[in-house]
Amino acid sequence: MNKKIHIFVTNDDGISAKGLAALTEMVRPFGALTVVAPKEPQSGMSGAMTIGTPLRLYEHSREEGLERYVCTGTPVDCVKIGLSQFFSEQKPDLLVSGINHGANTSAAVFYSGTLGATGEGILYGVPSIGFSLSTPHNPDANFDSCIVYGRKILEQYLIHPPSPDVFINVNFPDIPNDQIKGIRFARQGKGAWIKEFEKRRDPHGYDYYWLTGEFRNDEPEALDADHNLVNLGYVSIVPHQFDTTCYPEVERLGNVWKFL
């Protein structure tokens, strides 16, 4: 790709996250960057936005071809305020989100702030792609392989973009570059988080609950499921659509719910 583009960069782990720095390094050869990231970590925020509390937006740093800003809200807030303040005249060519410290496969896509930002980008008509590393939320994770494989994916994305209502979800295995087996297109795997809360007691004798949980894999043998492919050492790519309507059920229930 010789054409330089303008890229909107965001994340949910916050402006200081190592994954955001790696994402910036990954996409910088492709064009000019405007980064708008949360002031604090915002994992699990999905599509949440701030209502009833003023947002703050301030410049973090600036250099040629790269501007960084901090927003006091959620990832979706970052997208909304960034588009309104910096792209009111012309939308960015691409929105990238991540690189998340932790996988966004299977059921995690429903909670992910990383993917909440990409979905918001699609709502505004901006081509969007999210990146995540399957690490146990290690703040000092190694993102070298993400940069190598992420650039390969971006090159193809820009040459052959997805449909306008589709955002792309990329997950990298947490292994060295030379151990990655390849890149595979996948579907969202089936699973759920269980035993999510651990009950504890504070020094004053009051109970409180700490979010922990474990992942239940509902299809451990499925080789086309994103979470299994990542566990096997592949980079997974899942195209997601914002429209979650189950069209076969629209027709089926319309036929059987006669009382309506």
Protein backbone atom coordinates (compact mmCIF):
# COMPACT_ATOMS: atom_id res chain seq x y z
CA MET A 1 0.00 0.00 0.00
CA ASN A 2 1.52 3.28 -1.14
CA LYS A 3 -1.42 5.51 -0.27
CA LYS A 4 -1.15 7.09 3.17
CA ILE A 5 -4.39 7.20 5.13
CA HIS A 6 -5.68 8.79 8.35
CA ILE A 7 -6.22 6.27 11.13
CA PHE A 8 -8.17 6.69 14.38
CA VAL A 9 -6.56 4.64 17.17
CA THR A 10 -8.23 3.76 20.49
CA ASN A 11 -8.36 1.00 23.12
CA ASP A 12 -9.96 -0.02 26.41
CA ASP A 13 -6.83 -0.60 28.53
CA GLY A 14 -6.02 3.11 28.75
CA ILE A 15 -3.55 5.59 27.33
CA SER A 16 -0.59 4.05 29.19
CA ALA A 17 -1.18 0.44 28.07
CA LYS A 18 1.67 -1.36 26.35
CA GLY A 19 -0.83 -2.79 23.87
CA LEU A 20 -1.81 0.67 22.70
CA ALA A 21 1.85 1.54 22.09
CA ALA A 22 2.23 -1.70 20.11
CA LEU A 23 -0.87 -0.95 18.04
CA THR A 24 0.45 2.52 17.28
CA GLU A 25 3.74 1.01 16.13
CA MET A 26 1.84 -1.56 14.04
CA VAL A 27 -0.26 0.93 12.08
CA ARG A 28 2.09 3.91 11.87
CA PRO A 29 3.63 2.90 8.51
CA PHE A 30 0.15 3.09 6.95
CA GLY A 31 -0.53 6.79 7.57
CA ALA A 32 -1.19 9.63 9.98
CA LEU A 33 -2.57 8.67 13.39
CA THR A 34 -4.94 10.32 15.82
CA VAL A 35 -5.07 8.46 19.14
CA VAL A 36 -7.95 9.01 21.58
CA ALA A 37 -7.72 6.60 24.50
CA PRO A 38 -9.29 6.35 27.98
CA LYS A 39 -7.48 7.92 30.89
CA GLU A 40 -7.97 4.76 32.96
CA PRO A 41 -8.50 1.08 32.05
CA GLN A 42 -12.03 0.44 30.80
CA SER A 43 -12.15 -3.32 30.25
CA GLY A 44 -15.61 -4.86 30.10
CA MET A 45 -17.33 -1.63 29.11
CA SER A 46 -18.66 -3.00 25.81
CA GLY A 47 -20.82 -0.24 24.29
CA ALA A 48 -21.19 1.77 27.49
CA MET A 49 -21.09 5.55 27.27
CA THR A 50 -20.97 8.25 29.93
CA ILE A 51 -24.26 9.97 30.73
CA GLY A 52 -24.73 12.68 33.34
CA THR A 53 -21.02 13.26 33.96
CA PRO A 54 -18.92 15.75 31.98
CA LEU A 55 -16.14 14.29 29.86
CA ARG A 56 -12.64 15.73 29.70
CA LEU A 57 -10.48 15.59 26.59
CA TYR A 58 -6.91 16.82 26.61
CA GLU A 59 -3.76 16.47 24.57
CA HIS A 60 -1.25 13.89 25.72
CA SER A 61 1.55 14.32 23.16
CA ARG A 62 2.17 15.35 19.59
CA GLU A 63 4.75 14.61 16.93
CA GLU A 64 4.79 14.53 13.16
CA GLY A 65 2.04 12.22 11.92
CA LEU A 66 0.95 11.21 15.43
CA GLU A 67 -1.34 13.03 17.86
CA ARG A 68 -2.39 11.49 21.19
CA TYR A 69 -5.36 12.58 23.30
CA VAL A 70 -6.80 11.33 26.57
CA CYS A 71 -10.51 11.04 27.31
CA THR A 72 -11.93 10.52 30.80
CA GLY A 73 -14.70 8.21 29.52
CA THR A 74 -15.23 4.77 28.03
CA PRO A 75 -13.93 3.42 24.70
CA VAL A 76 -17.23 4.35 23.04
CA ASP A 77 -16.91 7.84 24.53
CA CYS A 78 -13.44 8.05 22.99
CA VAL A 79 -14.81 7.19 19.55
CA LYS A 80 -17.75 9.56 19.80
CA ILE A 81 -15.79 12.54 21.08
CA GLY A 82 -12.82 11.85 18.81
CA LEU A 83 -14.98 11.75 15.69
CA SER A 84 -16.85 14.90 16.69
CA GLN A 85 -13.76 16.93 17.62
CA PHE A 86 -11.15 15.78 15.10
CA PHE A 87 -13.11 14.33 12.18
CA SER A 88 -16.14 16.58 11.86
CA GLU A 89 -15.23 17.55 8.29
CA GLN A 90 -13.93 14.21 7.05
CA LYS A 91 -14.14 10.78 8.64
CA PRO A 92 -10.97 8.75 9.22
CA ASP A 93 -10.14 6.09 6.67
CA LEU A 94 -9.86 3.43 9.36
CA LEU A 95 -10.45 2.88 13.09
CA VAL A 96 -8.27 0.40 14.97
CA SER A 97 -8.78 -0.63 18.60
CA GLY A 98 -6.46 -2.51 20.98
CA ILE A 99 -4.18 -4.29 21.26
CA ASN A 100 -6.22 -5.64 24.15
CA HIS A 101 -4.45 -7.30 27.07
CA GLY A 102 -6.57 -10.46 26.99
CA ALA A 103 -8.45 -12.46 24.38
CA ASN A 104 -11.71 -11.23 22.90
CA THR A 105 -13.00 -14.56 21.63
CA SER A 106 -16.24 -16.46 22.18
CA ALA A 107 -18.47 -14.84 24.83
CA ALA A 108 -15.93 -12.12 25.54
CA VAL A 109 -17.08 -10.22 22.45
CA PHE A 110 -20.26 -9.24 24.35
CA TYR A 111 -18.29 -7.49 27.10
CA SER A 112 -15.27 -6.15 25.28
CA GLY A 113 -14.59 -2.44 25.33
CA THR A 114 -12.10 -3.02 22.52
CA LEU A 115 -14.87 -4.32 20.28
CA GLY A 116 -17.37 -1.81 21.64
CA ALA A 117 -15.18 0.85 20.06
CA THR A 118 -15.07 -0.97 16.72
CA GLY A 119 -18.83 -1.39 16.71
CA GLU A 120 -19.21 2.32 17.37
CA GLY A 121 -16.91 3.03 14.46
CA ILE A 122 -19.14 0.98 12.16
CA LEU A 123 -22.20 2.91 13.35
CA TYR A 124 -20.46 6.08 12.13
CA GLY A 125 -19.54 4.48 8.82
CA VAL A 126 -15.83 4.10 9.62
CA PRO A 127 -14.12 0.81 8.65
CA SER A 128 -13.07 -0.72 11.97
CA ILE A 129 -10.88 -3.54 13.23
CA GLY A 130 -10.06 -4.70 16.77
CA PHE A 131 -6.92 -6.52 17.93
CA SER A 132 -6.41 -8.60 21.08
CA LEU A 133 -3.64 -10.74 22.57
CA SER A 134 -4.61 -13.91 24.43
CA THR A 135 -2.60 -13.06 27.52
CA PRO A 136 -3.82 -13.33 31.14
CA HIS A 137 -4.00 -9.52 31.36
CA ASN A 138 -0.24 -9.25 31.74
CA PRO A 139 0.60 -5.51 31.71
CA ASP A 140 4.09 -6.30 30.38
CA ALA A 141 2.98 -8.74 27.65
CA ASN A 142 5.10 -9.20 24.53
CA PHE A 143 3.34 -7.81 21.44
CA ASP A 144 6.11 -8.42 18.89
CA SER A 145 4.23 -11.16 17.03
CA CYS A 146 1.08 -9.01 17.00
CA ILE A 147 2.92 -6.27 15.14
CA VAL A 148 4.30 -8.68 12.53
CA TYR A 149 1.04 -10.50 11.83
CA GLY A 150 -1.12 -7.44 12.37
CA ARG A 151 0.61 -5.60 9.54
CA LYS A 152 0.03 -8.54 7.21
CA ILE A 153 -3.67 -8.49 8.07
CA LEU A 154 -3.93 -4.72 7.66
CA GLU A 155 -2.34 -4.87 4.23
CA GLN A 156 -5.02 -7.29 3.06
CA TYR A 157 -7.76 -5.38 4.87
CA LEU A 158 -6.92 -2.18 3.01
CA ILE A 159 -6.73 -3.94 -0.37
CA HIS A 160 -9.85 -6.05 0.15
CA PRO A 161 -11.99 -4.35 2.82
CA PRO A 162 -15.02 -6.09 4.35
CA SER A 163 -18.62 -5.04 3.80
CA PRO A 164 -19.49 -1.61 5.24
CA ASP A 165 -21.54 -3.05 8.14
CA VAL A 166 -18.86 -5.53 9.24
CA PHE A 167 -16.07 -5.01 11.78
CA ILE A 168 -13.13 -7.38 12.09
CA ASN A 169 -12.03 -9.04 15.32
CA VAL A 170 -8.42 -10.32 15.37
CA ASN A 171 -6.99 -12.39 18.22
CA PHE A 172 -3.32 -13.33 18.59
CA PRO A 173 -2.03 -16.29 20.61
CA ASP A 174 0.40 -15.36 23.37
CA ILE A 175 3.38 -17.23 21.92
CA PRO A 176 6.63 -16.24 20.17
CA ASN A 177 6.45 -15.17 16.55
CA ASP A 178 8.16 -18.32 15.23
CA GLN A 179 5.66 -20.57 17.01
CA ILE A 180 2.52 -19.10 15.44
CA LYS A 181 1.04 -21.69 13.08
CA GLY A 182 -0.69 -19.24 10.76
CA ILE A 183 -3.78 -17.08 10.28
CA ARG A 184 -7.29 -18.56 10.10
CA PHE A 185 -10.73 -17.12 9.48
CA ALA A 186 -13.09 -18.32 12.18
CA ARG A 187 -16.50 -17.95 13.71
CA GLN A 188 -17.34 -16.80 17.21
CA GLY A 189 -16.97 -19.81 19.48
CA LYS A 190 -19.52 -21.00 22.02
CA GLY A 191 -18.74 -20.75 25.71
CA ALA A 192 -19.58 -18.80 28.83
CA TRP A 193 -18.05 -17.44 32.00
CA ILE A 194 -19.12 -19.32 35.15
CA LYS A 195 -18.40 -19.10 38.90
CA GLU A 196 -17.90 -15.41 38.30
CA PHE A 197 -17.91 -13.97 41.81
CA GLU A 198 -15.79 -14.76 44.82
CA LYS A 199 -17.37 -13.76 48.11
CA ARG A 200 -15.00 -12.07 50.55
CA ARG A 201 -15.21 -10.13 53.81
CA ASP A 202 -13.65 -6.76 54.48
CA PRO A 203 -11.86 -5.79 57.74
CA HIS A 204 -15.08 -4.28 59.06
CA GLY A 205 -16.98 -7.55 58.75
CA TYR A 206 -19.00 -6.69 55.64
CA ASP A 207 -19.28 -9.02 52.69
CA TYR A 208 -18.16 -7.97 49.22
CA TYR A 209 -17.80 -9.74 45.88
CA TRP A 210 -14.78 -9.89 43.58
CA LEU A 211 -15.22 -10.68 39.89
CA THR A 212 -13.14 -13.76 39.01
CA GLY A 213 -14.77 -16.58 37.07
CA GLU A 214 -13.60 -19.32 34.76
CA PHE A 215 -14.36 -19.99 31.11
CA ARG A 216 -16.54 -22.96 30.16
CA ASN A 217 -15.72 -24.17 26.66
CA ASP A 218 -18.98 -25.45 25.15
CA GLU A 219 -17.36 -26.87 21.99
CA PRO A 220 -13.79 -27.94 22.74
CA GLU A 221 -13.49 -29.98 19.53
CA ALA A 222 -14.64 -27.27 17.09
CA LEU A 223 -11.70 -26.35 14.87
CA ASP A 224 -13.49 -23.38 13.30
CA ALA A 225 -14.19 -21.63 16.62
CA ASP A 226 -12.05 -18.60 17.39
CA HIS A 227 -11.13 -19.47 20.98
CA ASN A 228 -9.98 -22.96 20.03
CA LEU A 229 -7.90 -21.77 17.09
CA VAL A 230 -6.10 -19.22 19.26
CA ASN A 231 -5.44 -21.89 21.89
CA LEU A 232 -3.94 -24.05 19.14
CA GLY A 233 -1.51 -21.31 18.13
CA TYR A 234 -3.31 -19.60 15.24
CA VAL A 235 -4.20 -15.97 14.73
CA SER A 236 -7.99 -15.89 14.40
CA ILE A 237 -10.02 -13.45 12.30
CA VAL A 238 -13.78 -13.17 12.85
CA PRO A 239 -15.93 -10.79 10.80
CA HIS A 240 -18.74 -9.49 13.04
CA GLN A 241 -21.86 -7.67 11.90
CA PHE A 242 -23.61 -5.05 13.97
CA ASP A 243 -27.03 -6.40 13.04
CA THR A 244 -27.64 -9.23 15.54
CA THR A 245 -31.10 -10.12 14.20
CA CYS A 246 -31.69 -13.86 13.83
CA TYR A 247 -33.53 -13.79 10.51
CA PRO A 248 -34.56 -17.49 10.45
CA GLU A 249 -36.27 -16.96 13.81
CA VAL A 250 -38.09 -13.89 12.51
CA GLU A 251 -39.69 -16.10 9.88
CA ARG A 252 -40.22 -19.16 12.10
CA LEU A 253 -41.72 -17.34 15.07
CA GLY A 254 -43.83 -15.21 12.74
CA ASN A 255 -45.39 -18.43 11.47
CA VAL A 256 -45.92 -20.21 14.79
CA TRP A 257 -46.94 -17.34 17.08
CA LYS A 258 -50.42 -17.30 15.60
CA PHE A 259 -51.99 -15.35 18.46
CA LEU A 260 -50.09 -12.24 17.35
